[in-house]
PDB file of N, CA and C in Angstrom:
ATOM      1  N   MET A   1       0.850  -1.169   0.000  1.00  0.00           N
ATOM      2  CA  MET A   1       0.000   0.000   0.000  1.00  0.00           C
ATOM      3  C   MET A   1       0.898   1.235   0.000  1.00  0.00           C
ATOM      4  N   SER A   2       0.609   2.184  -0.840  1.00  0.00           N
ATOM      5  CA  SER A   2       1.426   3.388  -0.913  1.00  0.00           C
ATOM      6  C   SER A   2       0.810   4.505  -0.085  1.00  0.00           C
ATOM      7  N   ALA A   3       1.634   5.470   0.242  1.00  0.00           N
ATOM      8  CA  ALA A   3       1.170   6.622   1.024  1.00  0.00           C
ATOM      9  C   ALA A   3       0.267   7.491   0.154  1.00  0.00           C
ATOM     10  N   PRO A   4      -0.688   8.146   0.775  1.00  0.00           N
ATOM     11  CA  PRO A   4      -1.566   9.019  -0.009  1.00  0.00           C
ATOM     12  C   PRO A   4      -0.765  10.148  -0.648  1.00  0.00           C
ATOM     13  N   VAL A   5      -1.169  10.478  -1.825  1.00  0.00           N
ATOM     14  CA  VAL A   5      -0.490  11.546  -2.562  1.00  0.00           C
ATOM     15  C   VAL A   5      -1.025  12.886  -2.094  1.00  0.00           C
ATOM     16  N   GLN A   6      -0.118  13.770  -1.763  1.00  0.00           N
ATOM     17  CA  GLN A   6      -0.524  15.119  -1.377  1.00  0.00           C
ATOM     18  C   GLN A   6      -0.117  16.074  -2.487  1.00  0.00           C
ATOM     19  N   THR A   7      -1.073  16.789  -2.963  1.00  0.00           N
ATOM     20  CA  THR A   7      -0.769  17.781  -4.003  1.00  0.00           C
ATOM     21  C   THR A   7      -0.862  19.160  -3.393  1.00  0.00           C
ATOM     22  N   ALA A   8       0.069  19.984  -3.752  1.00  0.00           N
ATOM     23  CA  ALA A   8       0.054  21.363  -3.257  1.00  0.00           C
ATOM     24  C   ALA A   8      -0.940  22.156  -4.086  1.00  0.00           C
ATOM     25  N   ARG A   9      -1.883  22.753  -3.422  1.00  0.00           N
ATOM     26  CA  ARG A   9      -2.872  23.568  -4.115  1.00  0.00           C
ATOM     27  C   ARG A   9      -2.529  25.030  -3.932  1.00  0.00           C
ATOM     28  N   ALA A  10      -2.627  25.743  -4.998  1.00  0.00           N
ATOM     29  CA  ALA A  10      -2.410  27.182  -4.906  1.00  0.00           C
ATOM     30  C   ALA A  10      -3.594  27.795  -4.166  1.00  0.00           C
ATOM     31  N   PRO A  11      -3.333  28.779  -3.330  1.00  0.00           N
ATOM     32  CA  PRO A  11      -4.452  29.402  -2.626  1.00  0.00           C
ATOM     33  C   PRO A  11      -5.403  30.057  -3.621  1.00  0.00           C
ATOM     34  N   ARG A  12      -6.700  29.880  -3.380  1.00  0.00           N
ATOM     35  CA  ARG A  12      -7.697  30.479  -4.263  1.00  0.00           C
ATOM     36  C   ARG A  12      -7.743  31.978  -4.025  1.00  0.00           C
ATOM     37  N   GLN A  13      -7.704  32.715  -5.107  1.00  0.00           N
ATOM     38  CA  GLN A  13      -7.811  34.157  -4.981  1.00  0.00           C
ATOM     39  C   GLN A  13      -9.273  34.541  -4.871  1.00  0.00           C
ATOM     40  N   ARG A  14      -9.522  35.506  -4.027  1.00  0.00           N
ATOM     41  CA  ARG A  14     -10.884  36.014  -3.929  1.00  0.00           C
ATOM     42  C   ARG A  14     -11.221  36.706  -5.232  1.00  0.00           C
ATOM     43  N   GLN A  15     -12.466  36.630  -5.606  1.00  0.00           N
ATOM     44  CA  GLN A  15     -12.886  37.241  -6.860  1.00  0.00           C
ATOM     45  C   GLN A  15     -12.766  38.763  -6.793  1.00  0.00           C
ATOM     46  N   ASP A  16     -12.882  39.331  -5.601  1.00  0.00           N
ATOM     47  CA  ASP A  16     -12.830  40.781  -5.483  1.00  0.00           C
ATOM     48  C   ASP A  16     -11.437  41.301  -5.166  1.00  0.00           C
ATOM     49  N   ALA A  17     -10.427  40.442  -5.221  1.00  0.00           N
ATOM     50  CA  ALA A  17      -9.058  40.860  -4.941  1.00  0.00           C
ATOM     51  C   ALA A  17      -8.408  41.394  -6.211  1.00  0.00           C
ATOM     52  N   GLY A  18      -7.410  42.232  -6.042  1.00  0.00           N
ATOM     53  CA  GLY A  18      -6.672  42.741  -7.188  1.00  0.00           C
ATOM     54  C   GLY A  18      -6.719  44.246  -7.263  1.00  0.00           C
ATOM     55  N   LEU A  19      -5.852  44.769  -8.082  1.00  0.00           N
ATOM     56  CA  LEU A  19      -5.753  46.220  -8.227  1.00  0.00           C
ATOM     57  C   LEU A  19      -6.745  46.780  -9.234  1.00  0.00           C
ATOM     58  N   LEU A  20      -7.198  45.946 -10.163  1.00  0.00           N
ATOM     59  CA  LEU A  20      -8.111  46.397 -11.207  1.00  0.00           C
ATOM     60  C   LEU A  20      -9.461  45.711 -11.068  1.00  0.00           C
ATOM     61  N   MET A  21     -10.495  46.425 -11.459  1.00  0.00           N
ATOM     62  CA  MET A  21     -11.852  45.874 -11.428  1.00  0.00           C
ATOM     63  C   MET A  21     -12.460  45.989 -12.816  1.00  0.00           C
ATOM     64  N   THR A  22     -13.270  45.009 -13.176  1.00  0.00           N
ATOM     65  CA  THR A  22     -14.000  45.082 -14.440  1.00  0.00           C
ATOM     66  C   THR A  22     -15.215  45.979 -14.257  1.00  0.00           C
ATOM     67  N   VAL A  23     -15.798  46.373 -15.362  1.00  0.00           N
ATOM     68  CA  VAL A  23     -17.012  47.191 -15.315  1.00  0.00           C
ATOM     69  C   VAL A  23     -18.117  46.446 -14.565  1.00  0.00           C
ATOM     70  N   GLU A  24     -18.209  45.139 -14.763  1.00  0.00           N
ATOM     71  CA  GLU A  24     -19.234  44.348 -14.093  1.00  0.00           C
ATOM     72  C   GLU A  24     -19.042  44.355 -12.575  1.00  0.00           C
ATOM     73  N   GLN A  25     -17.801  44.267 -12.116  1.00  0.00           N
ATOM     74  CA  GLN A  25     -17.530  44.304 -10.678  1.00  0.00           C
ATOM     75  C   GLN A  25     -17.851  45.682 -10.102  1.00  0.00           C
ATOM     76  N   ILE A  26     -17.555  46.717 -10.855  1.00  0.00           N
ATOM     77  CA  ILE A  26     -17.862  48.074 -10.396  1.00  0.00           C
ATOM     78  C   ILE A  26     -19.367  48.276 -10.311  1.00  0.00           C
ATOM     79  N   ALA A  27     -20.104  47.720 -11.258  1.00  0.00           N
ATOM     80  CA  ALA A  27     -21.563  47.845 -11.233  1.00  0.00           C
ATOM     81  C   ALA A  27     -22.135  47.248  -9.950  1.00  0.00           C
ATOM     82  N   VAL A  28     -21.612  46.120  -9.511  1.00  0.00           N
ATOM     83  CA  VAL A  28     -22.076  45.514  -8.261  1.00  0.00           C
ATOM     84  C   VAL A  28     -21.675  46.383  -7.077  1.00  0.00           C
ATOM     85  N   LEU A  29     -20.452  46.935  -7.104  1.00  0.00           N
ATOM     86  CA  LEU A  29     -19.987  47.796  -6.019  1.00  0.00           C
ATOM     87  C   LEU A  29     -20.848  49.051  -5.908  1.00  0.00           C
ATOM     88  N   TRP A  30     -21.116  49.684  -7.037  1.00  0.00           N
ATOM     89  CA  TRP A  30     -21.840  50.954  -7.022  1.00  0.00           C
ATOM     90  C   TRP A  30     -23.342  50.799  -6.878  1.00  0.00           C
ATOM     91  N   PHE A  31     -23.918  49.823  -7.575  1.00  0.00           N
ATOM     92  CA  PHE A  31     -25.374  49.714  -7.633  1.00  0.00           C
ATOM     93  C   PHE A  31     -25.934  48.551  -6.838  1.00  0.00           C
ATOM     94  N   GLY A  32     -25.088  47.683  -6.330  1.00  0.00           N
ATOM     95  CA  GLY A  32     -25.557  46.509  -5.610  1.00  0.00           C
ATOM     96  C   GLY A  32     -25.927  45.403  -6.572  1.00  0.00           C
ATOM     97  N   GLU A  33     -26.463  44.356  -6.030  1.00  0.00           N
ATOM     98  CA  GLU A  33     -26.847  43.217  -6.860  1.00  0.00           C
ATOM     99  C   GLU A  33     -27.968  43.627  -7.805  1.00  0.00           C
ATOM    100  N   VAL A  34     -28.045  42.952  -8.910  1.00  0.00           N
ATOM    101  CA  VAL A  34     -29.060  43.233  -9.919  1.00  0.00           C
ATOM    102  C   VAL A  34     -30.423  42.898  -9.340  1.00  0.00           C
ATOM    103  N   GLY A  35     -31.390  43.684  -9.688  1.00  0.00           N
ATOM    104  CA  GLY A  35     -32.746  43.483  -9.185  1.00  0.00           C
ATOM    105  C   GLY A  35     -33.442  44.818  -9.166  1.00  0.00           C
ATOM    106  N   GLU A  36     -33.768  45.283  -7.971  1.00  0.00           N
ATOM    107  CA  GLU A  36     -34.478  46.555  -7.865  1.00  0.00           C
ATOM    108  C   GLU A  36     -33.583  47.742  -8.219  1.00  0.00           C
ATOM    109  N   ASN A  37     -32.272  47.543  -8.258  1.00  0.00           N
ATOM    110  CA  ASN A  37     -31.351  48.633  -8.573  1.00  0.00           C
ATOM    111  C   ASN A  37     -31.026  48.722 -10.055  1.00  0.00           C
ATOM    112  N   GLY A  38     -31.787  48.054 -10.895  1.00  0.00           N
ATOM    113  CA  GLY A  38     -31.570  48.112 -12.333  1.00  0.00           C
ATOM    114  C   GLY A  38     -31.022  46.811 -12.857  1.00  0.00           C
ATOM    115  N   SER A  39     -30.915  46.724 -14.167  1.00  0.00           N
ATOM    116  CA  SER A  39     -30.384  45.507 -14.773  1.00  0.00           C
ATOM    117  C   SER A  39     -28.867  45.592 -14.852  1.00  0.00           C
ATOM    118  N   ALA A  40     -28.231  44.453 -14.969  1.00  0.00           N
ATOM    119  CA  ALA A  40     -26.771  44.415 -15.069  1.00  0.00           C
ATOM    120  C   ALA A  40     -26.311  45.173 -16.301  1.00  0.00           C
ATOM    121  N   SER A  41     -27.009  45.011 -17.398  1.00  0.00           N
ATOM    122  CA  SER A  41     -26.633  45.669 -18.643  1.00  0.00           C
ATOM    123  C   SER A  41     -26.730  47.187 -18.522  1.00  0.00           C
ATOM    124  N   SER A  42     -27.813  47.678 -17.965  1.00  0.00           N
ATOM    125  CA  SER A  42     -27.969  49.136 -17.852  1.00  0.00           C
ATOM    126  C   SER A  42     -26.978  49.716 -16.850  1.00  0.00           C
ATOM    127  N   ASN A  43     -26.702  49.001 -15.758  1.00  0.00           N
ATOM    128  CA  ASN A  43     -25.730  49.478 -14.779  1.00  0.00           C
ATOM    129  C   ASN A  43     -24.335  49.558 -15.392  1.00  0.00           C
ATOM    130  N   CYS A  44     -23.951  48.544 -16.159  1.00  0.00           N
ATOM    131  CA  CYS A  44     -22.638  48.548 -16.815  1.00  0.00           C
ATOM    132  C   CYS A  44     -22.562  49.661 -17.850  1.00  0.00           C
ATOM    133  N   GLN A  45     -23.650  49.887 -18.565  1.00  0.00           N
ATOM    134  CA  GLN A  45     -23.661  50.947 -19.576  1.00  0.00           C
ATOM    135  C   GLN A  45     -23.494  52.321 -18.932  1.00  0.00           C
ATOM    136  N   LYS A  46     -24.084  52.523 -17.767  1.00  0.00           N
ATOM    137  CA  LYS A  46     -23.923  53.792 -17.045  1.00  0.00           C
ATOM    138  C   LYS A  46     -22.450  54.044 -16.739  1.00  0.00           C
ATOM    139  N   ILE A  47     -21.748  52.997 -16.363  1.00  0.00           N
ATOM    140  CA  ILE A  47     -20.324  53.126 -16.036  1.00  0.00           C
ATOM    141  C   ILE A  47     -19.511  53.363 -17.304  1.00  0.00           C
ATOM    142  N   ARG A  48     -19.811  52.635 -18.366  1.00  0.00           N
ATOM    143  CA  ARG A  48     -19.064  52.795 -19.620  1.00  0.00           C
ATOM    144  C   ARG A  48     -19.174  54.209 -20.175  1.00  0.00           C
ATOM    145  N   ARG A  49     -20.294  54.881 -19.908  1.00  0.00           N
ATOM    146  CA  ARG A  49     -20.457  56.264 -20.384  1.00  0.00           C
ATOM    147  C   ARG A  49     -19.478  57.215 -19.704  1.00  0.00           C
ATOM    148  N   LEU A  50     -18.993  56.847 -18.535  1.00  0.00           N
ATOM    149  CA  LEU A  50     -18.046  57.684 -17.805  1.00  0.00           C
ATOM    150  C   LEU A  50     -16.605  57.489 -18.278  1.00  0.00           C
ATOM    151  N   ILE A  51     -16.354  56.389 -18.999  1.00  0.00           N
ATOM    152  CA  ILE A  51     -15.001  56.045 -19.448  1.00  0.00           C
ATOM    153  C   ILE A  51     -14.754  56.679 -20.803  1.00  0.00           C
ATOM    154  N   PRO A  52     -13.623  57.217 -21.092  1.00  0.00           N
ATOM    155  CA  PRO A  52     -12.466  57.532 -20.256  1.00  0.00           C
ATOM    156  C   PRO A  52     -12.434  58.992 -19.816  1.00  0.00           C
ATOM    157  N   GLU A  53     -13.405  59.820 -20.266  1.00  0.00           N
ATOM    158  CA  GLU A  53     -13.339  61.253 -19.967  1.00  0.00           C
ATOM    159  C   GLU A  53     -13.447  61.555 -18.478  1.00  0.00           C
ATOM    160  N   ILE A  54     -14.300  60.830 -17.760  1.00  0.00           N
ATOM    161  CA  ILE A  54     -14.547  61.126 -16.350  1.00  0.00           C
ATOM    162  C   ILE A  54     -13.926  60.074 -15.441  1.00  0.00           C
ATOM    163  N   LEU A  55     -14.084  58.822 -15.801  1.00  0.00           N
ATOM    164  CA  LEU A  55     -13.567  57.717 -15.005  1.00  0.00           C
ATOM    165  C   LEU A  55     -12.352  57.128 -15.711  1.00  0.00           C
ATOM    166  N   PRO A  56     -11.160  57.270 -15.120  1.00  0.00           N
ATOM    167  CA  PRO A  56      -9.964  56.733 -15.785  1.00  0.00           C
ATOM    168  C   PRO A  56     -10.021  55.211 -15.838  1.00  0.00           C
ATOM    169  N   ALA A  57      -9.784  54.676 -17.025  1.00  0.00           N
ATOM    170  CA  ALA A  57      -9.843  53.226 -17.210  1.00  0.00           C
ATOM    171  C   ALA A  57      -8.841  52.816 -18.272  1.00  0.00           C
ATOM    172  N   ARG A  58      -8.569  51.539 -18.304  1.00  0.00           N
ATOM    173  CA  ARG A  58      -7.647  50.987 -19.300  1.00  0.00           C
ATOM    174  C   ARG A  58      -8.362  49.832 -19.983  1.00  0.00           C
ATOM    175  N   ARG A  59      -8.221  49.806 -21.290  1.00  0.00           N
ATOM    176  CA  ARG A  59      -8.812  48.710 -22.051  1.00  0.00           C
ATOM    177  C   ARG A  59      -7.751  47.642 -22.261  1.00  0.00           C
ATOM    178  N   ILE A  60      -8.044  46.439 -21.822  1.00  0.00           N
ATOM    179  CA  ILE A  60      -7.161  45.296 -22.003  1.00  0.00           C
ATOM    180  C   ILE A  60      -7.983  44.245 -22.745  1.00  0.00           C
ATOM    181  N   GLY A  61      -7.574  43.963 -23.978  1.00  0.00           N
ATOM    182  CA  GLY A  61      -8.379  43.075 -24.808  1.00  0.00           C
ATOM    183  C   GLY A  61      -9.674  43.777 -25.154  1.00  0.00           C
ATOM    184  N   ASN A  62     -10.784  43.143 -24.872  1.00  0.00           N
ATOM    185  CA  ASN A  62     -12.068  43.782 -25.159  1.00  0.00           C
ATOM    186  C   ASN A  62     -12.812  44.171 -23.878  1.00  0.00           C
ATOM    187  N   ARG A  63     -12.091  44.320 -22.773  1.00  0.00           N
ATOM    188  CA  ARG A  63     -12.708  44.687 -21.498  1.00  0.00           C
ATOM    189  C   ARG A  63     -12.081  45.954 -20.949  1.00  0.00           C
ATOM    190  N   TRP A  64     -12.888  46.733 -20.263  1.00  0.00           N
ATOM    191  CA  TRP A  64     -12.407  47.918 -19.562  1.00  0.00           C
ATOM    192  C   TRP A  64     -12.097  47.544 -18.123  1.00  0.00           C
ATOM    193  N   TYR A  65     -10.985  48.076 -17.622  1.00  0.00           N
ATOM    194  CA  TYR A  65     -10.583  47.865 -16.233  1.00  0.00           C
ATOM    195  C   TYR A  65     -10.342  49.216 -15.578  1.00  0.00           C
ATOM    196  N   VAL A  66     -10.772  49.329 -14.331  1.00  0.00           N
ATOM    197  CA  VAL A  66     -10.628  50.557 -13.559  1.00  0.00           C
ATOM    198  C   VAL A  66      -9.877  50.215 -12.281  1.00  0.00           C
ATOM    199  N   SER A  67      -9.049  51.124 -11.838  1.00  0.00           N
ATOM    200  CA  SER A  67      -8.328  50.940 -10.584  1.00  0.00           C
ATOM    201  C   SER A  67      -9.324  50.748  -9.446  1.00  0.00           C
ATOM    202  N   ARG A  68      -9.066  49.754  -8.605  1.00  0.00           N
ATOM    203  CA  ARG A  68      -9.945  49.485  -7.468  1.00  0.00           C
ATOM    204  C   ARG A  68     -10.046  50.713  -6.557  1.00  0.00           C
ATOM    205  N   ALA A  69      -8.934  51.392  -6.332  1.00  0.00           N
ATOM    206  CA  ALA A  69      -8.938  52.571  -5.454  1.00  0.00           C
ATOM    207  C   ALA A  69      -9.845  53.662  -6.005  1.00  0.00           C
ATOM    208  N   VAL A  70      -9.790  53.899  -7.311  1.00  0.00           N
ATOM    209  CA  VAL A  70     -10.642  54.923  -7.931  1.00  0.00           C
ATOM    210  C   VAL A  70     -12.109  54.541  -7.814  1.00  0.00           C
ATOM    211  N   ALA A  71     -12.436  53.288  -8.098  1.00  0.00           N
ATOM    212  CA  ALA A  71     -13.824  52.829  -8.034  1.00  0.00           C
ATOM    213  C   ALA A  71     -14.371  52.925  -6.611  1.00  0.00           C
ATOM    214  N   GLU A  72     -13.549  52.564  -5.628  1.00  0.00           N
ATOM    215  CA  GLU A  72     -14.004  52.632  -4.242  1.00  0.00           C
ATOM    216  C   GLU A  72     -14.138  54.071  -3.767  1.00  0.00           C
ATOM    217  N   ASP A  73     -13.251  54.970  -4.232  1.00  0.00           N
ATOM    218  CA  ASP A  73     -13.383  56.389  -3.897  1.00  0.00           C
ATOM    219  C   ASP A  73     -14.686  56.945  -4.435  1.00  0.00           C
ATOM    220  N   TRP A  74     -15.020  56.580  -5.669  1.00  0.00           N
ATOM    221  CA  TRP A  74     -16.281  57.030  -6.261  1.00  0.00           C
ATOM    222  C   TRP A  74     -17.461  56.522  -5.447  1.00  0.00           C
ATOM    223  N   ALA A  75     -17.400  55.284  -5.004  1.00  0.00           N
ATOM    224  CA  ALA A  75     -18.517  54.692  -4.253  1.00  0.00           C
ATOM    225  C   ALA A  75     -18.704  55.386  -2.908  1.00  0.00           C
ATOM    226  N   THR A  76     -17.612  55.711  -2.220  1.00  0.00           N
ATOM    227  CA  THR A  76     -17.730  56.332  -0.905  1.00  0.00           C
ATOM    228  C   THR A  76     -18.054  57.815  -0.986  1.00  0.00           C
ATOM    229  N   GLY A  77     -17.700  58.454  -2.084  1.00  0.00           N
ATOM    230  CA  GLY A  77     -17.935  59.883  -2.203  1.00  0.00           C
ATOM    231  C   GLY A  77     -19.164  60.256  -2.994  1.00  0.00           C
ATOM    232  N   SER A  78     -19.974  59.272  -3.342  1.00  0.00           N
ATOM    233  CA  SER A  78     -21.129  59.554  -4.194  1.00  0.00           C
ATOM    234  C   SER A  78     -22.323  60.038  -3.382  1.00  0.00           C
ATOM    235  N   ASP A  79     -23.193  60.731  -4.073  1.00  0.00           N
ATOM    236  CA  ASP A  79     -24.444  61.186  -3.469  1.00  0.00           C
ATOM    237  C   ASP A  79     -25.449  60.036  -3.502  1.00  0.00           C
ATOM    238  N   PRO A  80     -26.402  60.037  -2.585  1.00  0.00           N
ATOM    239  CA  PRO A  80     -27.448  59.015  -2.672  1.00  0.00           C
ATOM    240  C   PRO A  80     -28.320  59.255  -3.902  1.00  0.00           C
ATOM    241  N   ALA A  81     -28.956  58.226  -4.383  1.00  0.00           N
ATOM    242  CA  ALA A  81     -29.793  58.341  -5.573  1.00  0.00           C
ATOM    243  C   ALA A  81     -30.945  59.316  -5.357  1.00  0.00           C
ATOM    244  N   SER A  82     -31.345  59.537  -4.128  1.00  0.00           N
ATOM    245  CA  SER A  82     -32.486  60.410  -3.845  1.00  0.00           C
ATOM    246  C   SER A  82     -32.235  61.862  -4.246  1.00  0.00           C
ATOM    247  N   VAL A  83     -30.985  62.280  -4.407  1.00  0.00           N
ATOM    248  CA  VAL A  83     -30.733  63.669  -4.787  1.00  0.00           C
ATOM    249  C   VAL A  83     -31.226  63.966  -6.193  1.00  0.00           C
ATOM    250  N   MET A  84     -31.387  62.928  -7.009  1.00  0.00           N
ATOM    251  CA  MET A  84     -31.879  63.132  -8.373  1.00  0.00           C
ATOM    252  C   MET A  84     -33.396  63.061  -8.455  1.00  0.00           C
ATOM    253  N   ALA A  85     -34.055  62.745  -7.366  1.00  0.00           N
ATOM    254  CA  ALA A  85     -35.510  62.641  -7.360  1.00  0.00           C
ATOM    255  C   ALA A  85     -36.136  64.030  -7.371  1.00  0.00           C
ATOM    256  N   HIS A  86     -37.333  64.084  -7.881  1.00  0.00           N
ATOM    257  CA  HIS A  86     -38.110  65.324  -7.882  1.00  0.00           C
ATOM    258  C   HIS A  86     -38.325  65.744  -6.432  1.00  0.00           C
ATOM    259  N   PRO A  87     -38.309  67.049  -6.147  1.00  0.00           N
ATOM    260  CA  PRO A  87     -38.466  67.502  -4.752  1.00  0.00           C
ATOM    261  C   PRO A  87     -39.703  66.940  -4.058  1.00  0.00           C
ATOM    262  N   GLU A  88     -40.828  66.807  -4.768  1.00  0.00           N
ATOM    263  CA  GLU A  88     -42.036  66.257  -4.150  1.00  0.00           C
ATOM    264  C   GLU A  88     -41.843  64.787  -3.796  1.00  0.00           C
ATOM    265  N   THR A  89     -41.102  64.061  -4.624  1.00  0.00           N
ATOM    266  CA  THR A  89     -40.819  62.654  -4.342  1.00  0.00           C
ATOM    267  C   THR A  89     -39.936  62.546  -3.109  1.00  0.00           C
ATOM    268  N   ARG A  90     -38.927  63.419  -3.010  1.00  0.00           N
ATOM    269  CA  ARG A  90     -38.068  63.409  -1.826  1.00  0.00           C
ATOM    270  C   ARG A  90     -38.864  63.727  -0.570  1.00  0.00           C
ATOM    271  N   ARG A  91     -39.749  64.717  -0.678  1.00  0.00           N
ATOM    272  CA  ARG A  91     -40.565  65.106   0.476  1.00  0.00           C
ATOM    273  C   ARG A  91     -41.450  63.939   0.917  1.00  0.00           C
ATOM    274  N   ALA A  92     -42.067  63.251  -0.027  1.00  0.00           N
ATOM    275  CA  ALA A  92     -42.927  62.107   0.307  1.00  0.00           C
ATOM    276  C   ALA A  92     -42.111  60.989   0.953  1.00  0.00           C
ATOM    277  N   ALA A  93     -40.909  60.746   0.451  1.00  0.00           N
ATOM    278  CA  ALA A  93     -40.051  59.703   1.009  1.00  0.00           C
ATOM    279  C   ALA A  93     -39.656  60.048   2.439  1.00  0.00           C
ATOM    280  N   HIS A  94     -39.349  61.318   2.686  1.00  0.00           N
ATOM    281  CA  HIS A  94     -38.968  61.736   4.038  1.00  0.00           C
ATOM    282  C   HIS A  94     -40.154  61.577   4.993  1.00  0.00           C
ATOM    283  N   GLN A  95     -41.361  61.876   4.507  1.00  0.00           N
ATOM    284  CA  GLN A  95     -42.540  61.732   5.359  1.00  0.00           C
ATOM    285  C   GLN A  95     -42.810  60.265   5.688  1.00  0.00           C
ATOM    286  N   ARG A  96     -42.591  59.379   4.720  1.00  0.00           N
ATOM    287  CA  ARG A  96     -42.805  57.947   4.959  1.00  0.00           C
ATOM    288  C   ARG A  96     -41.827  57.411   6.000  1.00  0.00           C
ATOM    289  N   THR A  97     -40.592  57.871   5.964  1.00  0.00           N
ATOM    290  CA  THR A  97     -39.573  57.363   6.882  1.00  0.00           C
ATOM    291  C   THR A  97     -39.567  58.109   8.210  1.00  0.00           C
ATOM    292  N   GLY A  98     -40.356  59.177   8.316  1.00  0.00           N
ATOM    293  CA  GLY A  98     -40.430  59.915   9.561  1.00  0.00           C
ATOM    294  C   GLY A  98     -39.352  60.965   9.704  1.00  0.00           C
ATOM    295  N   GLU A  99     -38.586  61.226   8.627  1.00  0.00           N
ATOM    296  CA  GLU A  99     -37.551  62.243   8.685  1.00  0.00           C
ATOM    297  C   GLU A  99     -38.161  63.592   8.388  1.00  0.00           C
ATOM    298  N   GLU A 100     -37.592  64.593   8.920  1.00  0.00           N
ATOM    299  CA  GLU A 100     -38.057  65.968   8.654  1.00  0.00           C
ATOM    300  C   GLU A 100     -37.062  66.702   7.845  1.00  0.00           C
TER     301      GLU A 100
END
């Protein structure tokens, strides 16, 4: 009987690790999972409209990549979606949540 074979496995990289993010990864970061926050296609298209004039990105092959630091800065410094709502809609939302 021989000893069991041990194979060295490379550690699995997390999908969200790395210095660059794809447009699809940024869409999840900025808009959350697909569903009530829009479709994956429309969310990605919103991001592509920002490239390259507003959002610095690099095209590698047929995909756009953005620096993780830049994408995360945009996410933390962004305004809530409610700022684009009509003032009456904002007022109604504040009344529903009990905010003044």
